[in-house]
PDB file of N, CA and C in Angstrom:
ATOM      1  N   MET A   1      23.962 -46.244  19.436  1.00  0.00           N
ATOM      2  CA  MET A   1      24.478 -45.231  18.501  1.00  0.00           C
ATOM      3  C   MET A   1      23.289 -44.211  18.380  1.00  0.00           C
ATOM      4  N   SER A   2      23.559 -42.899  18.461  1.00  0.00           N
ATOM      5  CA  SER A   2      22.532 -41.932  18.192  1.00  0.00           C
ATOM      6  C   SER A   2      22.473 -41.347  16.792  1.00  0.00           C
ATOM      7  N   LYS A   3      21.277 -41.002  16.430  1.00  0.00           N
ATOM      8  CA  LYS A   3      21.079 -40.505  15.065  1.00  0.00           C
ATOM      9  C   LYS A   3      21.891 -39.216  14.856  1.00  0.00           C
ATOM     10  N   LYS A   4      22.379 -38.920  13.749  1.00  0.00           N
ATOM     11  CA  LYS A   4      23.141 -37.623  13.659  1.00  0.00           C
ATOM     12  C   LYS A   4      22.144 -36.734  13.032  1.00  0.00           C
ATOM     13  N   ARG A   5      22.097 -35.538  13.651  1.00  0.00           N
ATOM     14  CA  ARG A   5      21.248 -34.490  13.074  1.00  0.00           C
ATOM     15  C   ARG A   5      21.748 -33.717  11.865  1.00  0.00           C
ATOM     16  N   ALA A   6      21.039 -33.210  11.103  1.00  0.00           N
ATOM     17  CA  ALA A   6      21.368 -32.406  10.112  1.00  0.00           C
ATOM     18  C   ALA A   6      21.662 -31.047  10.638  1.00  0.00           C
ATOM     19  N   ARG A   7      22.896 -30.551  10.098  1.00  0.00           N
ATOM     20  CA  ARG A   7      23.202 -29.106  10.563  1.00  0.00           C
ATOM     21  C   ARG A   7      22.333 -28.134  10.057  1.00  0.00           C
ATOM     22  N   THR A   8      22.258 -27.069  10.819  1.00  0.00           N
ATOM     23  CA  THR A   8      21.473 -25.891  10.414  1.00  0.00           C
ATOM     24  C   THR A   8      22.460 -24.626  10.239  1.00  0.00           C
ATOM     25  N   TYR A   9      22.706 -24.350   9.035  1.00  0.00           N
ATOM     26  CA  TYR A   9      23.772 -23.178   8.621  1.00  0.00           C
ATOM     27  C   TYR A   9      22.933 -21.983   8.710  1.00  0.00           C
ATOM     28  N   ALA A  10      23.603 -20.834   8.885  1.00  0.00           N
ATOM     29  CA  ALA A  10      23.057 -19.556   8.737  1.00  0.00           C
ATOM     30  C   ALA A  10      22.307 -19.196   7.742  1.00  0.00           C
ATOM     31  N   ARG A  11      22.715 -19.679   6.548  1.00  0.00           N
ATOM     32  CA  ARG A  11      22.152 -19.202   5.217  1.00  0.00           C
ATOM     33  C   ARG A  11      20.731 -20.156   5.257  1.00  0.00           C
ATOM     34  N   ASN A  12      20.472 -21.009   5.865  1.00  0.00           N
ATOM     35  CA  ASN A  12      19.276 -21.862   5.899  1.00  0.00           C
ATOM     36  C   ASN A  12      18.261 -21.215   6.836  1.00  0.00           C
ATOM     37  N   ARG A  13      18.515 -20.465   7.738  1.00  0.00           N
ATOM     38  CA  ARG A  13      17.642 -19.858   8.533  1.00  0.00           C
ATOM     39  C   ARG A  13      16.867 -18.762   8.171  1.00  0.00           C
ATOM     40  N   THR A  14      15.474 -18.718   8.436  1.00  0.00           N
ATOM     41  CA  THR A  14      14.675 -17.685   7.833  1.00  0.00           C
ATOM     42  C   THR A  14      14.537 -16.583   9.002  1.00  0.00           C
ATOM     43  N   ALA A  15      13.813 -15.453   8.449  1.00  0.00           N
ATOM     44  CA  ALA A  15      13.637 -14.449   9.334  1.00  0.00           C
ATOM     45  C   ALA A  15      12.339 -14.458  10.090  1.00  0.00           C
ATOM     46  N   ILE A  16      11.642 -15.622   9.804  1.00  0.00           N
ATOM     47  CA  ILE A  16      10.322 -15.932  10.393  1.00  0.00           C
ATOM     48  C   ILE A  16      10.640 -17.212  11.488  1.00  0.00           C
ATOM     49  N   SER A  17       9.930 -17.089  12.578  1.00  0.00           N
ATOM     50  CA  SER A  17       9.985 -18.277  13.489  1.00  0.00           C
ATOM     51  C   SER A  17       8.982 -19.298  13.134  1.00  0.00           C
ATOM     52  N   ARG A  18       9.128 -20.445  14.033  1.00  0.00           N
ATOM     53  CA  ARG A  18       8.065 -21.548  13.643  1.00  0.00           C
ATOM     54  C   ARG A  18       6.699 -21.082  13.837  1.00  0.00           C
ATOM     55  N   ARG A  19       6.512 -20.024  14.822  1.00  0.00           N
ATOM     56  CA  ARG A  19       5.198 -19.762  14.955  1.00  0.00           C
ATOM     57  C   ARG A  19       4.505 -18.653  14.031  1.00  0.00           C
ATOM     58  N   GLY A  20       5.589 -18.173  13.075  1.00  0.00           N
ATOM     59  CA  GLY A  20       5.016 -17.264  12.123  1.00  0.00           C
ATOM     60  C   GLY A  20       5.454 -15.731  12.566  1.00  0.00           C
ATOM     61  N   ASN A  21       5.999 -15.560  13.524  1.00  0.00           N
ATOM     62  CA  ASN A  21       6.348 -14.228  14.130  1.00  0.00           C
ATOM     63  C   ASN A  21       7.682 -13.930  13.566  1.00  0.00           C
ATOM     64  N   LEU A  22       8.047 -12.809  13.308  1.00  0.00           N
ATOM     65  CA  LEU A  22       9.320 -12.007  12.735  1.00  0.00           C
ATOM     66  C   LEU A  22      10.345 -12.120  13.985  1.00  0.00           C
ATOM     67  N   LYS A  23      11.574 -12.686  13.572  1.00  0.00           N
ATOM     68  CA  LYS A  23      12.534 -12.523  14.578  1.00  0.00           C
ATOM     69  C   LYS A  23      13.227 -11.196  14.514  1.00  0.00           C
ATOM     70  N   ASP A  24      13.931 -10.995  15.454  1.00  0.00           N
ATOM     71  CA  ASP A  24      14.622  -9.856  15.674  1.00  0.00           C
ATOM     72  C   ASP A  24      15.504  -9.486  14.291  1.00  0.00           C
ATOM     73  N   LEU A  25      15.187  -8.519  13.763  1.00  0.00           N
ATOM     74  CA  LEU A  25      15.822  -7.869  12.524  1.00  0.00           C
ATOM     75  C   LEU A  25      16.549  -6.599  13.025  1.00  0.00           C
ATOM     76  N   THR A  26      17.732  -6.634  12.774  1.00  0.00           N
ATOM     77  CA  THR A  26      18.570  -5.285  12.964  1.00  0.00           C
ATOM     78  C   THR A  26      19.088  -4.835  11.806  1.00  0.00           C
ATOM     79  N   PHE A  27      18.796  -3.474  11.625  1.00  0.00           N
ATOM     80  CA  PHE A  27      19.321  -2.945  10.392  1.00  0.00           C
ATOM     81  C   PHE A  27      20.259  -1.853  10.618  1.00  0.00           C
ATOM     82  N   GLY A  28      20.555  -1.697  11.833  1.00  0.00           N
ATOM     83  CA  GLY A  28      21.593  -0.631  12.307  1.00  0.00           C
ATOM     84  C   GLY A  28      21.179   0.769  12.124  1.00  0.00           C
ATOM     85  N   GLU A  29      19.948   1.167  12.061  1.00  0.00           N
ATOM     86  CA  GLU A  29      19.334   2.389  11.953  1.00  0.00           C
ATOM     87  C   GLU A  29      19.036   3.125  13.365  1.00  0.00           C
ATOM     88  N   SER A  30      19.638   4.219  13.595  1.00  0.00           N
ATOM     89  CA  SER A  30      19.282   4.914  14.877  1.00  0.00           C
ATOM     90  C   SER A  30      17.857   5.498  14.904  1.00  0.00           C
ATOM     91  N   ASP A  31      17.360   5.914  15.751  1.00  0.00           N
ATOM     92  CA  ASP A  31      16.022   6.634  15.995  1.00  0.00           C
ATOM     93  C   ASP A  31      15.992   8.046  15.282  1.00  0.00           C
ATOM     94  N   GLY A  32      17.097   8.646  15.418  1.00  0.00           N
ATOM     95  CA  GLY A  32      17.226  10.048  14.769  1.00  0.00           C
ATOM     96  C   GLY A  32      17.239   9.939  13.386  1.00  0.00           C
ATOM     97  N   ILE A  33      17.857   9.107  12.721  1.00  0.00           N
ATOM     98  CA  ILE A  33      17.832   8.922  11.338  1.00  0.00           C
ATOM     99  C   ILE A  33      16.373   8.599  10.868  1.00  0.00           C
ATOM    100  N   TYR A  34      15.567   7.714  11.619  1.00  0.00           N
ATOM    101  CA  TYR A  34      14.390   7.334  11.402  1.00  0.00           C
ATOM    102  C   TYR A  34      13.542   8.354  11.331  1.00  0.00           C
ATOM    103  N   ILE A  35      13.691   9.310  12.403  1.00  0.00           N
ATOM    104  CA  ILE A  35      12.681  10.647  12.434  1.00  0.00           C
ATOM    105  C   ILE A  35      12.933  11.567  11.422  1.00  0.00           C
ATOM    106  N   LEU A  36      14.377  11.698  11.124  1.00  0.00           N
ATOM    107  CA  LEU A  36      14.785  12.469   9.898  1.00  0.00           C
ATOM    108  C   LEU A  36      14.103  12.147   8.567  1.00  0.00           C
ATOM    109  N   LYS A  37      14.174  10.918   8.412  1.00  0.00           N
ATOM    110  CA  LYS A  37      13.615  10.271   7.104  1.00  0.00           C
ATOM    111  C   LYS A  37      12.061  10.699   7.198  1.00  0.00           C
ATOM    112  N   LEU A  38      11.327  10.396   8.178  1.00  0.00           N
ATOM    113  CA  LEU A  38       9.954  10.634   8.354  1.00  0.00           C
ATOM    114  C   LEU A  38       9.489  11.979   8.291  1.00  0.00           C
ATOM    115  N   ALA A  39      10.344  12.994   8.597  1.00  0.00           N
ATOM    116  CA  ALA A  39      10.074  14.356   8.597  1.00  0.00           C
ATOM    117  C   ALA A  39      10.280  14.859   7.107  1.00  0.00           C
ATOM    118  N   LEU A  40      11.573  14.228   6.534  1.00  0.00           N
ATOM    119  CA  LEU A  40      11.651  14.753   5.059  1.00  0.00           C
ATOM    120  C   LEU A  40      10.503  14.179   4.091  1.00  0.00           C
ATOM    121  N   LEU A  41      10.291  12.899   4.381  1.00  0.00           N
ATOM    122  CA  LEU A  41       9.296  12.369   3.390  1.00  0.00           C
ATOM    123  C   LEU A  41       7.790  12.893   3.687  1.00  0.00           C
ATOM    124  N   LEU A  42       7.350  13.417   4.812  1.00  0.00           N
ATOM    125  CA  LEU A  42       6.154  14.001   4.956  1.00  0.00           C
ATOM    126  C   LEU A  42       6.097  15.395   4.305  1.00  0.00           C
ATOM    127  N   VAL A  43       7.151  15.975   4.472  1.00  0.00           N
ATOM    128  CA  VAL A  43       7.235  17.556   3.840  1.00  0.00           C
ATOM    129  C   VAL A  43       7.157  17.392   2.267  1.00  0.00           C
ATOM    130  N   ILE A  44       8.000  16.535   1.802  1.00  0.00           N
ATOM    131  CA  ILE A  44       7.985  16.164   0.308  1.00  0.00           C
ATOM    132  C   ILE A  44       6.712  15.717  -0.171  1.00  0.00           C
ATOM    133  N   SER A  45       6.177  14.942   0.436  1.00  0.00           N
ATOM    134  CA  SER A  45       4.840  14.145  -0.088  1.00  0.00           C
ATOM    135  C   SER A  45       3.598  15.307   0.035  1.00  0.00           C
ATOM    136  N   SER A  46       3.746  16.407   0.693  1.00  0.00           N
ATOM    137  CA  SER A  46       2.567  17.278   0.685  1.00  0.00           C
ATOM    138  C   SER A  46       2.786  18.387  -0.429  1.00  0.00           C
ATOM    139  N   PHE A  47       3.700  18.171  -1.252  1.00  0.00           N
ATOM    140  CA  PHE A  47       3.926  19.188  -2.440  1.00  0.00           C
ATOM    141  C   PHE A  47       3.130  18.792  -3.709  1.00  0.00           C
ATOM    142  N   TRP A  48       2.256  19.826  -4.024  1.00  0.00           N
ATOM    143  CA  TRP A  48       1.388  19.587  -5.248  1.00  0.00           C
ATOM    144  C   TRP A  48       1.581  20.786  -6.236  1.00  0.00           C
ATOM    145  N   ILE A  49       1.432  20.482  -7.456  1.00  0.00           N
ATOM    146  CA  ILE A  49       1.433  21.534  -8.415  1.00  0.00           C
ATOM    147  C   ILE A  49      -0.045  21.748  -8.779  1.00  0.00           C
ATOM    148  N   LYS A  50      -0.705  22.821  -8.345  1.00  0.00           N
ATOM    149  CA  LYS A  50      -2.052  22.964  -8.458  1.00  0.00           C
ATOM    150  C   LYS A  50      -2.340  23.949  -9.772  1.00  0.00           C
ATOM    151  N   ILE A  51      -3.531  23.729 -10.543  1.00  0.00           N
ATOM    152  CA  ILE A  51      -3.833  24.384 -11.613  1.00  0.00           C
ATOM    153  C   ILE A  51      -4.981  25.333 -11.274  1.00  0.00           C
ATOM    154  N   ASN A  52      -4.890  26.630 -11.402  1.00  0.00           N
ATOM    155  CA  ASN A  52      -5.901  27.696 -11.092  1.00  0.00           C
ATOM    156  C   ASN A  52      -6.444  27.945 -12.495  1.00  0.00           C
ATOM    157  N   THR A  53      -7.799  27.781 -12.686  1.00  0.00           N
ATOM    158  CA  THR A  53      -8.484  27.995 -14.027  1.00  0.00           C
ATOM    159  C   THR A  53      -9.636  29.052 -13.741  1.00  0.00           C
ATOM    160  N   GLY A  54      -9.779  29.494 -12.537  1.00  0.00           N
ATOM    161  CA  GLY A  54     -10.820  30.412 -12.400  1.00  0.00           C
ATOM    162  C   GLY A  54     -12.176  29.667 -11.743  1.00  0.00           C
ATOM    163  N   GLN A  55     -13.299  30.450 -11.831  1.00  0.00           N
ATOM    164  CA  GLN A  55     -14.422  29.966 -11.201  1.00  0.00           C
ATOM    165  C   GLN A  55     -15.005  28.998 -12.016  1.00  0.00           C
ATOM    166  N   ALA A  56     -15.289  29.079 -13.186  1.00  0.00           N
ATOM    167  CA  ALA A  56     -15.955  28.074 -14.173  1.00  0.00           C
ATOM    168  C   ALA A  56     -14.989  27.191 -14.774  1.00  0.00           C
ATOM    169  N   SER A  57     -14.604  26.119 -14.037  1.00  0.00           N
ATOM    170  CA  SER A  57     -13.496  25.222 -14.418  1.00  0.00           C
ATOM    171  C   SER A  57     -14.110  23.814 -14.828  1.00  0.00           C
ATOM    172  N   SER A  58     -13.805  23.535 -16.101  1.00  0.00           N
ATOM    173  CA  SER A  58     -14.256  22.204 -16.494  1.00  0.00           C
ATOM    174  C   SER A  58     -13.126  21.122 -16.519  1.00  0.00           C
ATOM    175  N   VAL A  59     -12.055  21.410 -15.707  1.00  0.00           N
ATOM    176  CA  VAL A  59     -10.915  20.584 -15.801  1.00  0.00           C
ATOM    177  C   VAL A  59     -11.182  19.429 -14.959  1.00  0.00           C
ATOM    178  N   ALA A  60     -10.828  18.282 -15.394  1.00  0.00           N
ATOM    179  CA  ALA A  60     -11.160  17.075 -14.638  1.00  0.00           C
ATOM    180  C   ALA A  60     -10.258  16.842 -13.327  1.00  0.00           C
ATOM    181  N   PHE A  61      -8.935  17.489 -13.383  1.00  0.00           N
ATOM    182  CA  PHE A  61      -8.209  17.390 -12.247  1.00  0.00           C
ATOM    183  C   PHE A  61      -7.828  18.837 -11.774  1.00  0.00           C
ATOM    184  N   GLN A  62      -7.421  18.891 -10.546  1.00  0.00           N
ATOM    185  CA  GLN A  62      -7.168  20.183  -9.990  1.00  0.00           C
ATOM    186  C   GLN A  62      -5.664  20.425  -9.818  1.00  0.00           C
ATOM    187  N   GLY A  63      -4.919  19.185  -9.764  1.00  0.00           N
ATOM    188  CA  GLY A  63      -3.423  19.277  -9.429  1.00  0.00           C
ATOM    189  C   GLY A  63      -2.729  17.997  -9.757  1.00  0.00           C
ATOM    190  N   VAL A  64      -1.429  17.927  -9.733  1.00  0.00           N
ATOM    191  CA  VAL A  64      -0.519  16.941  -9.682  1.00  0.00           C
ATOM    192  C   VAL A  64       0.226  16.589  -8.605  1.00  0.00           C
ATOM    193  N   PRO A  65       0.155  15.401  -7.997  1.00  0.00           N
ATOM    194  CA  PRO A  65       0.818  15.224  -6.778  1.00  0.00           C
ATOM    195  C   PRO A  65       2.319  14.770  -7.061  1.00  0.00           C
ATOM    196  N   ILE A  66       3.150  15.833  -7.502  1.00  0.00           N
ATOM    197  CA  ILE A  66       4.587  15.480  -7.689  1.00  0.00           C
ATOM    198  C   ILE A  66       5.325  15.059  -6.460  1.00  0.00           C
ATOM    199  N   GLY A  67       4.899  15.644  -5.215  1.00  0.00           N
ATOM    200  CA  GLY A  67       5.627  15.280  -4.147  1.00  0.00           C
ATOM    201  C   GLY A  67       5.280  13.741  -3.666  1.00  0.00           C
ATOM    202  N   VAL A  68       4.106  13.274  -3.983  1.00  0.00           N
ATOM    203  CA  VAL A  68       3.768  11.893  -3.533  1.00  0.00           C
ATOM    204  C   VAL A  68       4.570  10.963  -4.472  1.00  0.00           C
ATOM    205  N   LEU A  69       4.686  11.351  -5.803  1.00  0.00           N
ATOM    206  CA  LEU A  69       5.531  10.527  -6.587  1.00  0.00           C
ATOM    207  C   LEU A  69       6.994  10.420  -6.417  1.00  0.00           C
ATOM    208  N   LEU A  70       7.395  11.705  -5.963  1.00  0.00           N
ATOM    209  CA  LEU A  70       8.976  11.659  -5.696  1.00  0.00           C
ATOM    210  C   LEU A  70       9.251  11.064  -4.279  1.00  0.00           C
ATOM    211  N   ALA A  71       8.275  11.123  -3.350  1.00  0.00           N
ATOM    212  CA  ALA A  71       8.456  10.502  -2.030  1.00  0.00           C
ATOM    213  C   ALA A  71       8.388   8.988  -2.137  1.00  0.00           C
ATOM    214  N   LEU A  72       7.527   8.455  -2.957  1.00  0.00           N
ATOM    215  CA  LEU A  72       7.385   6.956  -3.321  1.00  0.00           C
ATOM    216  C   LEU A  72       8.603   6.531  -3.904  1.00  0.00           C
ATOM    217  N   LEU A  73       9.360   7.421  -4.869  1.00  0.00           N
ATOM    218  CA  LEU A  73      10.581   6.927  -5.521  1.00  0.00           C
ATOM    219  C   LEU A  73      11.526   6.881  -4.395  1.00  0.00           C
ATOM    220  N   LEU A  74      11.700   7.871  -3.594  1.00  0.00           N
ATOM    221  CA  LEU A  74      12.793   7.953  -2.559  1.00  0.00           C
ATOM    222  C   LEU A  74      12.683   6.854  -1.499  1.00  0.00           C
ATOM    223  N   THR A  75      11.513   6.540  -1.130  1.00  0.00           N
ATOM    224  CA  THR A  75      11.139   5.494  -0.229  1.00  0.00           C
ATOM    225  C   THR A  75      11.672   4.147  -0.722  1.00  0.00           C
ATOM    226  N   ARG A  76      11.409   3.923  -1.976  1.00  0.00           N
ATOM    227  CA  ARG A  76      11.775   2.497  -2.671  1.00  0.00           C
ATOM    228  C   ARG A  76      13.272   2.429  -2.695  1.00  0.00           C
ATOM    229  N   LYS A  77      14.133   3.590  -3.097  1.00  0.00           N
ATOM    230  CA  LYS A  77      15.277   3.441  -3.089  1.00  0.00           C
ATOM    231  C   LYS A  77      16.216   3.440  -1.860  1.00  0.00           C
ATOM    232  N   PHE A  78      15.744   4.242  -0.958  1.00  0.00           N
ATOM    233  CA  PHE A  78      16.497   4.357   0.438  1.00  0.00           C
ATOM    234  C   PHE A  78      16.185   3.495   1.626  1.00  0.00           C
ATOM    235  N   GLU A  79      14.965   3.013   1.654  1.00  0.00           N
ATOM    236  CA  GLU A  79      14.348   2.238   2.872  1.00  0.00           C
ATOM    237  C   GLU A  79      14.847   0.696   2.603  1.00  0.00           C
ATOM    238  N   ARG A  80      15.542   0.229   3.445  1.00  0.00           N
ATOM    239  CA  ARG A  80      15.975  -1.294   3.232  1.00  0.00           C
ATOM    240  C   ARG A  80      15.097  -2.331   3.883  1.00  0.00           C
ATOM    241  N   ASN A  81      14.433  -1.886   4.915  1.00  0.00           N
ATOM    242  CA  ASN A  81      13.447  -2.927   5.594  1.00  0.00           C
ATOM    243  C   ASN A  81      12.025  -2.862   5.041  1.00  0.00           C
ATOM    244  N   PRO A  82      11.747  -4.044   4.505  1.00  0.00           N
ATOM    245  CA  PRO A  82      10.398  -3.971   3.701  1.00  0.00           C
ATOM    246  C   PRO A  82       9.186  -3.562   4.678  1.00  0.00           C
ATOM    247  N   LEU A  83       9.366  -3.873   5.971  1.00  0.00           N
ATOM    248  CA  LEU A  83       8.185  -3.468   6.856  1.00  0.00           C
ATOM    249  C   LEU A  83       8.161  -2.043   7.076  1.00  0.00           C
ATOM    250  N   ASN A  84       9.193  -1.367   7.337  1.00  0.00           N
ATOM    251  CA  ASN A  84       9.185   0.098   7.325  1.00  0.00           C
ATOM    252  C   ASN A  84       8.784   0.674   6.121  1.00  0.00           C
ATOM    253  N   ARG A  85       9.069   0.106   4.844  1.00  0.00           N
ATOM    254  CA  ARG A  85       8.666   0.642   3.557  1.00  0.00           C
ATOM    255  C   ARG A  85       7.306   0.719   3.503  1.00  0.00           C
ATOM    256  N   ARG A  86       6.537  -0.424   3.894  1.00  0.00           N
ATOM    257  CA  ARG A  86       4.979  -0.292   3.891  1.00  0.00           C
ATOM    258  C   ARG A  86       4.428   0.685   4.779  1.00  0.00           C
ATOM    259  N   ILE A  87       5.149   1.051   5.907  1.00  0.00           N
ATOM    260  CA  ILE A  87       4.564   2.073   6.767  1.00  0.00           C
ATOM    261  C   ILE A  87       4.840   3.545   6.027  1.00  0.00           C
ATOM    262  N   TRP A  88       6.020   3.584   5.488  1.00  0.00           N
ATOM    263  CA  TRP A  88       6.356   4.819   4.679  1.00  0.00           C
ATOM    264  C   TRP A  88       5.222   5.018   3.691  1.00  0.00           C
ATOM    265  N   TYR A  89       4.968   3.947   2.832  1.00  0.00           N
ATOM    266  CA  TYR A  89       4.062   4.065   1.731  1.00  0.00           C
ATOM    267  C   TYR A  89       2.577   4.571   2.111  1.00  0.00           C
ATOM    268  N   LEU A  90       2.178   3.841   3.191  1.00  0.00           N
ATOM    269  CA  LEU A  90       0.842   4.251   3.778  1.00  0.00           C
ATOM    270  C   LEU A  90       0.846   5.813   4.279  1.00  0.00           C
ATOM    271  N   LEU A  91       2.016   6.178   4.957  1.00  0.00           N
ATOM    272  CA  LEU A  91       2.143   7.713   5.469  1.00  0.00           C
ATOM    273  C   LEU A  91       2.111   8.597   4.286  1.00  0.00           C
ATOM    274  N   ILE A  92       2.720   8.342   3.156  1.00  0.00           N
ATOM    275  CA  ILE A  92       3.011   9.263   2.036  1.00  0.00           C
ATOM    276  C   ILE A  92       1.544   9.360   1.403  1.00  0.00           C
ATOM    277  N   ILE A  93       0.881   8.343   1.198  1.00  0.00           N
ATOM    278  CA  ILE A  93      -0.256   8.344   0.515  1.00  0.00           C
ATOM    279  C   ILE A  93      -1.348   9.154   1.365  1.00  0.00           C
ATOM    280  N   VAL A  94      -1.301   9.021   2.830  1.00  0.00           N
ATOM    281  CA  VAL A  94      -2.409   9.706   3.543  1.00  0.00           C
ATOM    282  C   VAL A  94      -1.913  11.266   3.598  1.00  0.00           C
ATOM    283  N   VAL A  95      -0.646  11.571   3.771  1.00  0.00           N
ATOM    284  CA  VAL A  95      -0.349  12.860   3.641  1.00  0.00           C
ATOM    285  C   VAL A  95      -0.690  13.654   2.255  1.00  0.00           C
ATOM    286  N   GLY A  96      -0.428  12.685   1.227  1.00  0.00           N
ATOM    287  CA  GLY A  96      -0.913  13.471  -0.090  1.00  0.00           C
ATOM    288  C   GLY A  96      -2.210  13.460  -0.136  1.00  0.00           C
ATOM    289  N   LEU A  97      -3.094  12.871   0.258  1.00  0.00           N
ATOM    290  CA  LEU A  97      -4.541  12.956   0.229  1.00  0.00           C
ATOM    291  C   LEU A  97      -5.080  14.176   1.096  1.00  0.00           C
ATOM    292  N   VAL A  98      -4.459  14.402   2.108  1.00  0.00           N
ATOM    293  CA  VAL A  98      -4.802  15.430   3.251  1.00  0.00           C
ATOM    294  C   VAL A  98      -4.134  16.690   2.642  1.00  0.00           C
ATOM    295  N   SER A  99      -3.077  16.696   2.101  1.00  0.00           N
ATOM    296  CA  SER A  99      -2.469  17.868   1.504  1.00  0.00           C
ATOM    297  C   SER A  99      -3.294  18.475   0.286  1.00  0.00           C
ATOM    298  N   TYR A 100      -4.192  17.563  -0.369  1.00  0.00           N
ATOM    299  CA  TYR A 100      -4.781  17.843  -1.587  1.00  0.00           C
ATOM    300  C   TYR A 100      -5.724  19.053  -1.097  1.00  0.00           C
ATOM    301  N   PHE A 101      -6.370  18.922  -0.021  1.00  0.00           N
ATOM    302  CA  PHE A 101      -7.386  19.998   0.588  1.00  0.00           C
ATOM    303  C   PHE A 101      -6.708  21.120   1.236  1.00  0.00           C
ATOM    304  N   LEU A 102      -5.504  21.058   1.377  1.00  0.00           N
ATOM    305  CA  LEU A 102      -4.810  22.229   2.108  1.00  0.00           C
ATOM    306  C   LEU A 102      -4.153  23.121   1.020  1.00  0.00           C
ATOM    307  N   PRO A 103      -3.719  24.411   1.525  1.00  0.00           N
ATOM    308  CA  PRO A 103      -3.230  25.208   0.458  1.00  0.00           C
ATOM    309  C   PRO A 103      -1.758  25.151   0.509  1.00  0.00           C
ATOM    310  N   ALA A 104      -1.265  23.865   0.006  1.00  0.00           N
ATOM    311  CA  ALA A 104       0.235  23.606  -0.041  1.00  0.00           C
ATOM    312  C   ALA A 104       0.472  23.208  -1.455  1.00  0.00           C
ATOM    313  N   GLY A 105       1.646  24.006  -2.039  1.00  0.00           N
ATOM    314  CA  GLY A 105       1.976  23.580  -3.461  1.00  0.00           C
ATOM    315  C   GLY A 105       2.107  24.815  -4.230  1.00  0.00           C
ATOM    316  N   ILE A 106       2.343  24.671  -5.457  1.00  0.00           N
ATOM    317  CA  ILE A 106       2.585  25.829  -6.451  1.00  0.00           C
ATOM    318  C   ILE A 106       1.212  25.911  -7.157  1.00  0.00           C
ATOM    319  N   VAL A 107       0.761  27.137  -7.471  1.00  0.00           N
ATOM    320  CA  VAL A 107      -0.517  27.453  -8.077  1.00  0.00           C
ATOM    321  C   VAL A 107      -0.081  27.814  -9.465  1.00  0.00           C
ATOM    322  N   ILE A 108      -0.553  27.128 -10.509  1.00  0.00           N
ATOM    323  CA  ILE A 108      -0.198  27.696 -11.910  1.00  0.00           C
ATOM    324  C   ILE A 108      -1.250  28.210 -12.461  1.00  0.00           C
TER     325      ILE A 108
END
C-alpha cells in the first residue's frame, strides 16, 4: 500500500518557486499600455510649482513637487503589479529630482 500524498490546491500555491524565483505572473497588460503609463507618469512627475523671489532670496525651498506627489498617488492607485510599482516609484523620484534643475513648471 502506498502513502497518500496531500493534495496541492491552487489557493495553496505561491508566486515564488522553491528556489526563491518568481513564477510567471501574468496581469494581462499589453506593451502599449505599459509605455503609455510610463510616458504619462514621466510627464506628470516633471511638474513643479516654483517660487520666484528675486536675487536675494532667503527662502528655504525653491519649489513644490506637485507632479511627483500626484504621480506617486496615481501609481499606487492604478498599478496592480507590485514589482512594476517599485520601478514606477524609482522613475518618478529620479525624474522629479532631475526636473528640479530644469526650467519645467509654473513660476509664481
